[in-house]
Structure formats: structure tokens, C-alpha cells
């Protein structure tokens, strides 16, 4: 998935898009309290290893039946918050999942669709906080955005990572460490991850499978891009008008 610089509050998409079924956007949103999030993502997409979207304004092409290549980046991002807060709301340990497609051309910051799934253990207050913070991590527009909840699992070591939604019935990602010169992971450093000003590096782990198995937009890929990353972002990193910190 590719980093963008367009200032658009992702939370408005989450709270206001028809069909999201969560909460209407307030006419006069209150100023954000101080917030922070340090989280690790198990991430995979349909692009070949390593996802070219981090260096280009369009995803990789995918040929079908000898015809013209179709460009898309269909992704699954499984989050686990290591430490975080939003005002008095603790986000420590919260899990959530973002699946979707960046579309064929995101040079203007317009993405195709995404679905945000909260683990069933995540409270309403935590959900609202996560939605607000995601607006700064992914500052883009979506043609369609919806939310839901599910039972999520998340586990990772230096050699492998796995996450599921509803036991894999709704979504699944399995990653395996890319071989290097030593037993340590291969890591790309000094590459920006979307709106986060800090990360510990892209730990390269091609996927064994990355699948979203819900509805008409279901997809499944094997052997394509995958990595893990730990990012850090706080209200102090964003413009004063966007936060009360």
C-alpha cells in the first residue's frame, strides 16, 4: 500500500459513508484529545514482492486471459496495538483489520474501497478512537468505506506471522520470513509508511495466502507481497488544527 500526502480525515469516511452502519458524522466535530498509537501490522497485498505502490502512483498490473493488464492492489492489514491511547481511552492490545483495494490509479489520493473490521473485544469508545487515528495514518479518500466486527486472531514471530478473521472464514493472512544471509529477517529501513512519521522498518515476509472472503469483493492471492511493520504516531505529529495536544 502506498503512502499519500493528501489531507483527508479518514474518520469522516468511517463515520459518515452511507452503509457504514456505525455513527453519523457530527455537524461540528469536537477537537481531538491527545492521542497516540504504536501498533504492529501483518500486511499483505496482491502486488508482487515488494509492493511497488510504495514507490509509484499505480499498483502492479495483473493479466487476465491474455488481455490488457488490470491494475489493482487488494490488501489485508491486520493490526495489533502495542500501546496507545485517545484521551482517557486505552487502546493497548486492541486488534482490528482493514481490507480493501487501492484501485488502478491513486495519483489523486482517491482509493477504491475498504472495510474496517474491529475485533469483537474492542469497545465503542475504542472503535471511535481507532477510526479517528486511522484518519491520520491513512489520509486518503475512499469510493466506498464500511465497518463491521469479527473474531480476530493475531500471532507473529521473526520467522512467520498469521492473522485470521472468524477463523479464516472472513479473512486470512499467512506470512513467512524471506530468506537472507543470516537467520535474521530482511528489513527495508528509512521508507515511509503512509502518514506515520516513525517505523521500525518493513520486515519482508512474502505471503503464503492473503484472502478476503466476504461478499462480492472477495479475493485470494498466494505467494505475493507481505511484510510486518511497527509504526508510531501521536497527536503531536499532526497539524494543531487536527488535534488538541
C-alpha atoms as a PDB file:
ATOM      1  CA  UNK A   1       0.000   0.000   0.000  1.00  0.00           C
ATOM      2  CA  UNK A   2       1.248   3.395  -0.911  1.00  0.00           C
ATOM      3  CA  UNK A   3       1.824   6.428   1.265  1.00  0.00           C
ATOM      4  CA  UNK A   4      -0.070   9.584   0.333  1.00  0.00           C
ATOM      5  CA  UNK A   5       0.137  13.230   1.386  1.00  0.00           C
ATOM      6  CA  UNK A   6      -3.416  14.373   0.748  1.00  0.00           C
ATOM      7  CA  UNK A   7      -5.019  15.767   3.900  1.00  0.00           C
ATOM      8  CA  UNK A   8      -8.340  13.985   4.271  1.00  0.00           C
ATOM      9  CA  UNK A   9      -9.825  12.802   7.532  1.00  0.00           C
ATOM     10  CA  UNK A  10     -10.301   9.050   7.128  1.00  0.00           C
ATOM     11  CA  UNK A  11     -12.517   9.070  10.195  1.00  0.00           C
ATOM     12  CA  UNK A  12     -15.155  11.064   8.331  1.00  0.00           C
ATOM     13  CA  UNK A  13     -15.338   8.233   5.806  1.00  0.00           C
ATOM     14  CA  UNK A  14     -15.707   5.729   8.623  1.00  0.00           C
ATOM     15  CA  UNK A  15     -18.360   7.700  10.443  1.00  0.00           C
ATOM     16  CA  UNK A  16     -20.263   9.228   7.568  1.00  0.00           C
ATOM     17  CA  UNK A  17     -20.343   6.998   4.472  1.00  0.00           C
ATOM     18  CA  UNK A  18     -23.779   5.585   3.737  1.00  0.00           C
ATOM     19  CA  UNK A  19     -23.961   1.930   4.596  1.00  0.00           C
ATOM     20  CA  UNK A  20     -21.233   2.044   7.211  1.00  0.00           C
ATOM     21  CA  UNK A  21     -23.813   1.453   9.889  1.00  0.00           C
ATOM     22  CA  UNK A  22     -21.753   2.929  12.700  1.00  0.00           C
ATOM     23  CA  UNK A  23     -22.147   6.584  13.711  1.00  0.00           C
ATOM     24  CA  UNK A  24     -23.216   9.703  11.765  1.00  0.00           C
ATOM     25  CA  UNK A  25     -20.559  12.389  11.419  1.00  0.00           C
ATOM     26  CA  UNK A  26     -21.269  15.295  13.785  1.00  0.00           C
ATOM     27  CA  UNK A  27     -22.047  18.674  12.233  1.00  0.00           C
ATOM     28  CA  UNK A  28     -19.415  20.324  14.432  1.00  0.00           C
ATOM     29  CA  UNK A  29     -16.783  17.707  15.367  1.00  0.00           C
ATOM     30  CA  UNK A  30     -15.132  18.291  18.726  1.00  0.00           C
ATOM     31  CA  UNK A  31     -11.404  18.891  18.854  1.00  0.00           C
ATOM     32  CA  UNK A  32      -9.393  15.708  19.228  1.00  0.00           C
ATOM     33  CA  UNK A  33      -7.845  14.980  22.618  1.00  0.00           C
ATOM     34  CA  UNK A  34      -4.201  13.998  22.898  1.00  0.00           C
ATOM     35  CA  UNK A  35      -3.702  10.566  21.362  1.00  0.00           C
ATOM     36  CA  UNK A  36      -1.003   8.089  20.411  1.00  0.00           C
ATOM     37  CA  UNK A  37      -0.692   4.725  18.723  1.00  0.00           C
ATOM     38  CA  UNK A  38       2.186   2.284  18.442  1.00  0.00           C
ATOM     39  CA  UNK A  39       0.985  -0.776  16.554  1.00  0.00           C
ATOM     40  CA  UNK A  40       2.278  -3.699  14.530  1.00  0.00           C
ATOM     41  CA  UNK A  41       0.674  -4.682  11.225  1.00  0.00           C
ATOM     42  CA  UNK A  42       0.680  -8.040   9.484  1.00  0.00           C
ATOM     43  CA  UNK A  43       0.203  -6.746   5.937  1.00  0.00           C
ATOM     44  CA  UNK A  44      -0.198  -8.440   2.567  1.00  0.00           C
ATOM     45  CA  UNK A  45      -1.408  -7.455  -0.873  1.00  0.00           C
ATOM     46  CA  UNK A  46      -1.837  -8.697  -4.434  1.00  0.00           C
ATOM     47  CA  UNK A  47       1.279  -6.957  -5.776  1.00  0.00           C
ATOM     48  CA  UNK A  48       4.468  -8.940  -6.433  1.00  0.00           C
ATOM     49  CA  UNK A  49       7.139  -8.735  -3.754  1.00  0.00           C
ATOM     50  CA  UNK A  50       7.954  -5.924  -2.860  1.00  0.00           C
ATOM     51  CA  UNK A  51       4.803  -3.850  -3.378  1.00  0.00           C
ATOM     52  CA  UNK A  52       5.591  -1.179  -5.984  1.00  0.00           C
ATOM     53  CA  UNK A  53       2.858   1.065  -4.599  1.00  0.00           C
ATOM     54  CA  UNK A  54       5.345   2.462  -2.090  1.00  0.00           C
ATOM     55  CA  UNK A  55       7.306   3.937  -4.999  1.00  0.00           C
ATOM     56  CA  UNK A  56       4.648   4.633  -7.659  1.00  0.00           C
ATOM     57  CA  UNK A  57       1.223   6.191  -8.173  1.00  0.00           C
ATOM     58  CA  UNK A  58      -0.294   2.964  -9.563  1.00  0.00           C
ATOM     59  CA  UNK A  59      -0.199  -0.675  -8.438  1.00  0.00           C
ATOM     60  CA  UNK A  60       1.139  -3.659 -10.346  1.00  0.00           C
ATOM     61  CA  UNK A  61      -0.711  -4.937 -13.413  1.00  0.00           C
ATOM     62  CA  UNK A  62      -2.407  -8.337 -13.407  1.00  0.00           C
ATOM     63  CA  UNK A  63      -3.043 -10.022 -16.771  1.00  0.00           C
ATOM     64  CA  UNK A  64      -6.236 -11.998 -17.309  1.00  0.00           C
ATOM     65  CA  UNK A  65      -6.707 -14.363 -20.242  1.00  0.00           C
ATOM     66  CA  UNK A  66      -4.114 -12.678 -22.412  1.00  0.00           C
ATOM     67  CA  UNK A  67      -5.947  -9.360 -22.355  1.00  0.00           C
ATOM     68  CA  UNK A  68      -4.811  -5.956 -21.145  1.00  0.00           C
ATOM     69  CA  UNK A  69      -3.418  -5.977 -17.611  1.00  0.00           C
ATOM     70  CA  UNK A  70      -5.740  -4.774 -14.862  1.00  0.00           C
ATOM     71  CA  UNK A  71      -4.113  -2.678 -12.148  1.00  0.00           C
ATOM     72  CA  UNK A  72      -5.139  -3.104  -8.529  1.00  0.00           C
ATOM     73  CA  UNK A  73      -3.717  -3.574  -5.039  1.00  0.00           C
ATOM     74  CA  UNK A  74      -6.040  -5.763  -2.978  1.00  0.00           C
ATOM     75  CA  UNK A  75      -4.832  -5.834   0.587  1.00  0.00           C
ATOM     76  CA  UNK A  76      -5.332  -7.192   4.090  1.00  0.00           C
ATOM     77  CA  UNK A  77      -3.852  -5.277   7.034  1.00  0.00           C
ATOM     78  CA  UNK A  78      -4.161  -6.931  10.451  1.00  0.00           C
ATOM     79  CA  UNK A  79      -3.370  -4.523  13.316  1.00  0.00           C
ATOM     80  CA  UNK A  80      -2.460  -5.139  16.931  1.00  0.00           C
ATOM     81  CA  UNK A  81      -1.931  -2.069  19.113  1.00  0.00           C
ATOM     82  CA  UNK A  82       1.146  -2.399  21.304  1.00  0.00           C
ATOM     83  CA  UNK A  83       0.453   0.777  23.235  1.00  0.00           C
ATOM     84  CA  UNK A  84      -1.952   3.582  22.569  1.00  0.00           C
ATOM     85  CA  UNK A  85      -4.480   5.994  23.991  1.00  0.00           C
ATOM     86  CA  UNK A  86      -7.073   8.526  22.931  1.00  0.00           C
ATOM     87  CA  UNK A  87      -7.702  10.936  25.759  1.00  0.00           C
ATOM     88  CA  UNK A  88      -8.600   8.681  28.694  1.00  0.00           C
ATOM     89  CA  UNK A  89      -9.344   5.666  26.465  1.00  0.00           C
ATOM     90  CA  UNK A  90      -6.639   2.986  26.478  1.00  0.00           C
ATOM     91  CA  UNK A  91      -6.032   1.216  23.168  1.00  0.00           C
ATOM     92  CA  UNK A  92      -3.446  -1.255  24.477  1.00  0.00           C
ATOM     93  CA  UNK A  93      -3.929  -4.682  22.910  1.00  0.00           C
ATOM     94  CA  UNK A  94      -6.773  -3.655  20.585  1.00  0.00           C
ATOM     95  CA  UNK A  95      -6.991  -5.615  17.321  1.00  0.00           C
ATOM     96  CA  UNK A  96      -8.594  -4.522  14.060  1.00  0.00           C
ATOM     97  CA  UNK A  97      -8.395  -5.313  10.353  1.00  0.00           C
ATOM     98  CA  UNK A  98      -8.504  -3.194   7.205  1.00  0.00           C
ATOM     99  CA  UNK A  99      -9.125  -4.955   3.875  1.00  0.00           C
ATOM    100  CA  UNK A 100      -9.704  -3.352   0.503  1.00  0.00           C
ATOM    101  CA  UNK A 101      -8.401  -2.303  -2.894  1.00  0.00           C
ATOM    102  CA  UNK A 102      -6.401   0.825  -3.697  1.00  0.00           C
ATOM    103  CA  UNK A 103      -7.742   0.775  -7.260  1.00  0.00           C
ATOM    104  CA  UNK A 104      -5.867   1.276 -10.513  1.00  0.00           C
ATOM    105  CA  UNK A 105      -4.674   4.889 -10.161  1.00  0.00           C
ATOM    106  CA  UNK A 106      -4.298   6.658  -6.842  1.00  0.00           C
ATOM    107  CA  UNK A 107      -2.233   9.617  -8.051  1.00  0.00           C
ATOM    108  CA  UNK A 108      -5.000  11.950  -6.813  1.00  0.00           C
ATOM    109  CA  UNK A 109      -5.466  10.185  -3.484  1.00  0.00           C
ATOM    110  CA  UNK A 110      -8.741   8.512  -4.451  1.00  0.00           C
ATOM    111  CA  UNK A 111      -8.813   4.839  -3.461  1.00  0.00           C
ATOM    112  CA  UNK A 112     -11.391   2.237  -4.444  1.00  0.00           C
ATOM    113  CA  UNK A 113     -12.830   0.592  -1.330  1.00  0.00           C
ATOM    114  CA  UNK A 114     -12.004  -0.553   2.185  1.00  0.00           C
ATOM    115  CA  UNK A 115     -13.685  -2.369   5.051  1.00  0.00           C
ATOM    116  CA  UNK A 116     -12.605  -1.855   8.659  1.00  0.00           C
ATOM    117  CA  UNK A 117     -13.357  -4.784  10.982  1.00  0.00           C
ATOM    118  CA  UNK A 118     -12.994  -4.413  14.742  1.00  0.00           C
ATOM    119  CA  UNK A 119     -12.300  -7.420  16.910  1.00  0.00           C
ATOM    120  CA  UNK A 120     -15.381  -8.169  18.997  1.00  0.00           C
ATOM    121  CA  UNK A 121     -13.479  -7.278  22.165  1.00  0.00           C
ATOM    122  CA  UNK A 122     -12.967  -3.665  21.037  1.00  0.00           C
ATOM    123  CA  UNK A 123     -15.325  -1.279  22.855  1.00  0.00           C
ATOM    124  CA  UNK A 124     -17.359   1.507  21.259  1.00  0.00           C
ATOM    125  CA  UNK A 125     -15.020   4.128  22.745  1.00  0.00           C
ATOM    126  CA  UNK A 126     -12.000   2.293  21.361  1.00  0.00           C
ATOM    127  CA  UNK A 127     -13.647   1.978  17.939  1.00  0.00           C
ATOM    128  CA  UNK A 128     -14.286   5.707  17.776  1.00  0.00           C
ATOM    129  CA  UNK A 129     -10.683   6.370  18.792  1.00  0.00           C
ATOM    130  CA  UNK A 130      -9.250   3.949  16.235  1.00  0.00           C
ATOM    131  CA  UNK A 131     -11.372   5.481  13.462  1.00  0.00           C
ATOM    132  CA  UNK A 132     -10.102   8.956  14.329  1.00  0.00           C
ATOM    133  CA  UNK A 133      -6.444   7.902  14.427  1.00  0.00           C
ATOM    134  CA  UNK A 134      -6.729   5.975  11.153  1.00  0.00           C
ATOM    135  CA  UNK A 135      -7.636   9.274   9.523  1.00  0.00           C
ATOM    136  CA  UNK A 136      -4.070  10.404  10.146  1.00  0.00           C
ATOM    137  CA  UNK A 137      -2.380   7.116   9.353  1.00  0.00           C
ATOM    138  CA  UNK A 138      -4.227   6.768   6.015  1.00  0.00           C
ATOM    139  CA  UNK A 139      -5.064  10.340   4.889  1.00  0.00           C
ATOM    140  CA  UNK A 140      -6.941   9.427   1.690  1.00  0.00           C
ATOM    141  CA  UNK A 141     -10.419   9.312   0.157  1.00  0.00           C
ATOM    142  CA  UNK A 142     -12.332   6.088  -0.500  1.00  0.00           C
ATOM    143  CA  UNK A 143     -15.028   5.474  -3.100  1.00  0.00           C
ATOM    144  CA  UNK A 144     -16.661   3.169  -0.554  1.00  0.00           C
ATOM    145  CA  UNK A 145     -15.936   2.547   3.107  1.00  0.00           C
ATOM    146  CA  UNK A 146     -17.757   0.249   5.538  1.00  0.00           C
ATOM    147  CA  UNK A 147     -17.191  -1.129   9.031  1.00  0.00           C
ATOM    148  CA  UNK A 148     -18.057  -4.270  10.943  1.00  0.00           C
ATOM    149  CA  UNK A 149     -16.876  -6.609  13.669  1.00  0.00           C
ATOM    150  CA  UNK A 150     -15.496 -10.133  13.865  1.00  0.00           C
ATOM    151  CA  UNK A 151     -13.442 -12.563  15.911  1.00  0.00           C
ATOM    152  CA  UNK A 152      -9.789 -11.846  15.162  1.00  0.00           C
ATOM    153  CA  UNK A 153      -6.602 -13.793  15.899  1.00  0.00           C
ATOM    154  CA  UNK A 154      -3.099 -12.362  15.537  1.00  0.00           C
ATOM    155  CA  UNK A 155       0.298 -14.000  16.142  1.00  0.00           C
ATOM    156  CA  UNK A 156       3.835 -13.341  14.936  1.00  0.00           C
ATOM    157  CA  UNK A 157       7.461 -14.389  15.381  1.00  0.00           C
ATOM    158  CA  UNK A 158      10.581 -13.352  13.468  1.00  0.00           C
ATOM    159  CA  UNK A 159      10.014 -16.289  11.089  1.00  0.00           C
ATOM    160  CA  UNK A 160       6.256 -16.257  10.466  1.00  0.00           C
ATOM    161  CA  UNK A 161       3.050 -14.336  11.069  1.00  0.00           C
ATOM    162  CA  UNK A 162      -0.602 -15.242  10.867  1.00  0.00           C
ATOM    163  CA  UNK A 163      -3.899 -13.433  11.361  1.00  0.00           C
ATOM    164  CA  UNK A 164      -7.488 -14.515  10.803  1.00  0.00           C
ATOM    165  CA  UNK A 165     -10.996 -13.127  10.929  1.00  0.00           C
ATOM    166  CA  UNK A 166     -13.685 -15.535  12.088  1.00  0.00           C
ATOM    167  CA  UNK A 167     -11.276 -18.446  11.960  1.00  0.00           C
ATOM    168  CA  UNK A 168     -10.352 -17.634   8.363  1.00  0.00           C
ATOM    169  CA  UNK A 169     -13.938 -17.696   7.093  1.00  0.00           C
ATOM    170  CA  UNK A 170     -13.929 -13.916   6.618  1.00  0.00           C
ATOM    171  CA  UNK A 171     -10.219 -13.218   6.035  1.00  0.00           C
ATOM    172  CA  UNK A 172      -6.783 -14.745   6.460  1.00  0.00           C
ATOM    173  CA  UNK A 173      -3.132 -13.739   6.094  1.00  0.00           C
ATOM    174  CA  UNK A 174      -0.132 -16.045   6.497  1.00  0.00           C
ATOM    175  CA  UNK A 175       3.415 -14.726   6.044  1.00  0.00           C
ATOM    176  CA  UNK A 176       6.800 -16.464   6.084  1.00  0.00           C
ATOM    177  CA  UNK A 177      10.165 -14.738   6.535  1.00  0.00           C
ATOM    178  CA  UNK A 178      12.084 -14.014   3.348  1.00  0.00           C
ATOM    179  CA  UNK A 179      15.473 -15.840   3.439  1.00  0.00           C
ATOM    180  CA  UNK A 180      18.530 -13.652   3.982  1.00  0.00           C
ATOM    181  CA  UNK A 181      22.260 -14.076   4.554  1.00  0.00           C
ATOM    182  CA  UNK A 182      21.595 -14.740   8.245  1.00  0.00           C
ATOM    183  CA  UNK A 183      18.646 -16.125  10.244  1.00  0.00           C
ATOM    184  CA  UNK A 184      17.512 -12.550  10.879  1.00  0.00           C
ATOM    185  CA  UNK A 185      14.692 -11.036   8.827  1.00  0.00           C
ATOM    186  CA  UNK A 186      15.334  -8.909   5.737  1.00  0.00           C
ATOM    187  CA  UNK A 187      14.320  -5.344   6.624  1.00  0.00           C
ATOM    188  CA  UNK A 188      13.835  -2.222   4.483  1.00  0.00           C
ATOM    189  CA  UNK A 189      14.742   0.864   6.518  1.00  0.00           C
ATOM    190  CA  UNK A 190      14.050   4.571   6.002  1.00  0.00           C
ATOM    191  CA  UNK A 191      10.907   4.010   3.898  1.00  0.00           C
ATOM    192  CA  UNK A 192       7.850   5.994   4.973  1.00  0.00           C
ATOM    193  CA  UNK A 193       4.658   4.148   5.868  1.00  0.00           C
ATOM    194  CA  UNK A 194       1.727   6.333   4.829  1.00  0.00           C
ATOM    195  CA  UNK A 195       1.163   9.101   7.417  1.00  0.00           C
ATOM    196  CA  UNK A 196       3.239   7.602  10.223  1.00  0.00           C
ATOM    197  CA  UNK A 197       6.415   9.616  10.894  1.00  0.00           C
ATOM    198  CA  UNK A 198       8.195   6.685  12.562  1.00  0.00           C
ATOM    199  CA  UNK A 199       8.517   2.964  11.920  1.00  0.00           C
ATOM    200  CA  UNK A 200      10.995   0.205  12.762  1.00  0.00           C
ATOM    201  CA  UNK A 201      11.320  -0.993   9.164  1.00  0.00           C
ATOM    202  CA  UNK A 202       9.477  -3.193   6.676  1.00  0.00           C
ATOM    203  CA  UNK A 203      10.175  -6.810   7.653  1.00  0.00           C
ATOM    204  CA  UNK A 204       9.896  -8.698   4.361  1.00  0.00           C
ATOM    205  CA  UNK A 205       7.678 -11.765   4.646  1.00  0.00           C
ATOM    206  CA  UNK A 206       6.014 -12.959   1.404  1.00  0.00           C
ATOM    207  CA  UNK A 207       2.549 -14.363   1.930  1.00  0.00           C
ATOM    208  CA  UNK A 208       1.512 -17.978   1.691  1.00  0.00           C
ATOM    209  CA  UNK A 209      -2.034 -16.705   1.389  1.00  0.00           C
ATOM    210  CA  UNK A 210      -3.850 -13.386   1.719  1.00  0.00           C
ATOM    211  CA  UNK A 211      -7.590 -13.654   1.385  1.00  0.00           C
ATOM    212  CA  UNK A 212     -10.729 -11.632   1.993  1.00  0.00           C
ATOM    213  CA  UNK A 213     -13.709 -13.972   1.784  1.00  0.00           C
ATOM    214  CA  UNK A 214     -16.727 -11.740   2.365  1.00  0.00           C
ATOM    215  CA  UNK A 215     -19.268 -10.547  -0.201  1.00  0.00           C
ATOM    216  CA  UNK A 216     -18.927  -9.727  -3.882  1.00  0.00           C
ATOM    217  CA  UNK A 217     -15.469  -8.191  -3.484  1.00  0.00           C
ATOM    218  CA  UNK A 218     -13.858 -11.334  -2.072  1.00  0.00           C
ATOM    219  CA  UNK A 219     -10.335 -12.150  -3.281  1.00  0.00           C
ATOM    220  CA  UNK A 220      -7.479 -14.547  -2.610  1.00  0.00           C
ATOM    221  CA  UNK A 221      -3.796 -14.483  -3.595  1.00  0.00           C
ATOM    222  CA  UNK A 222      -0.872 -16.752  -2.826  1.00  0.00           C
ATOM    223  CA  UNK A 223       2.856 -16.011  -2.938  1.00  0.00           C
ATOM    224  CA  UNK A 224       2.517 -12.253  -3.361  1.00  0.00           C
ATOM    225  CA  UNK A 225       3.688  -9.301  -1.258  1.00  0.00           C
ATOM    226  CA  UNK A 226       3.780  -9.389   2.509  1.00  0.00           C
ATOM    227  CA  UNK A 227       5.580  -7.704   5.381  1.00  0.00           C
ATOM    228  CA  UNK A 228       5.312  -6.740   9.017  1.00  0.00           C
ATOM    229  CA  UNK A 229       5.828  -3.242  10.299  1.00  0.00           C
ATOM    230  CA  UNK A 230       5.616  -1.433  13.635  1.00  0.00           C
ATOM    231  CA  UNK A 231       4.687   2.242  13.342  1.00  0.00           C
ATOM    232  CA  UNK A 232       4.334   5.076  15.810  1.00  0.00           C
ATOM    233  CA  UNK A 233       2.187   8.193  15.504  1.00  0.00           C
ATOM    234  CA  UNK A 234       0.841  10.729  18.019  1.00  0.00           C
ATOM    235  CA  UNK A 235      -1.321  13.840  18.046  1.00  0.00           C
ATOM    236  CA  UNK A 236       1.878  15.895  18.325  1.00  0.00           C
ATOM    237  CA  UNK A 237       2.814  14.734  14.817  1.00  0.00           C
ATOM    238  CA  UNK A 238      -0.215  16.281  13.124  1.00  0.00           C
ATOM    239  CA  UNK A 239      -1.244  19.872  12.468  1.00  0.00           C
ATOM    240  CA  UNK A 240      -2.504  21.731  15.587  1.00  0.00           C
ATOM    241  CA  UNK A 241      -5.910  22.225  13.959  1.00  0.00           C
ATOM    242  CA  UNK A 242      -6.312  18.455  13.829  1.00  0.00           C
ATOM    243  CA  UNK A 243      -5.570  17.681  17.453  1.00  0.00           C
ATOM    244  CA  UNK A 244      -5.941  19.104  20.914  1.00  0.00           C
ATOM    245  CA  UNK A 245      -2.458  18.030  22.025  1.00  0.00           C
END
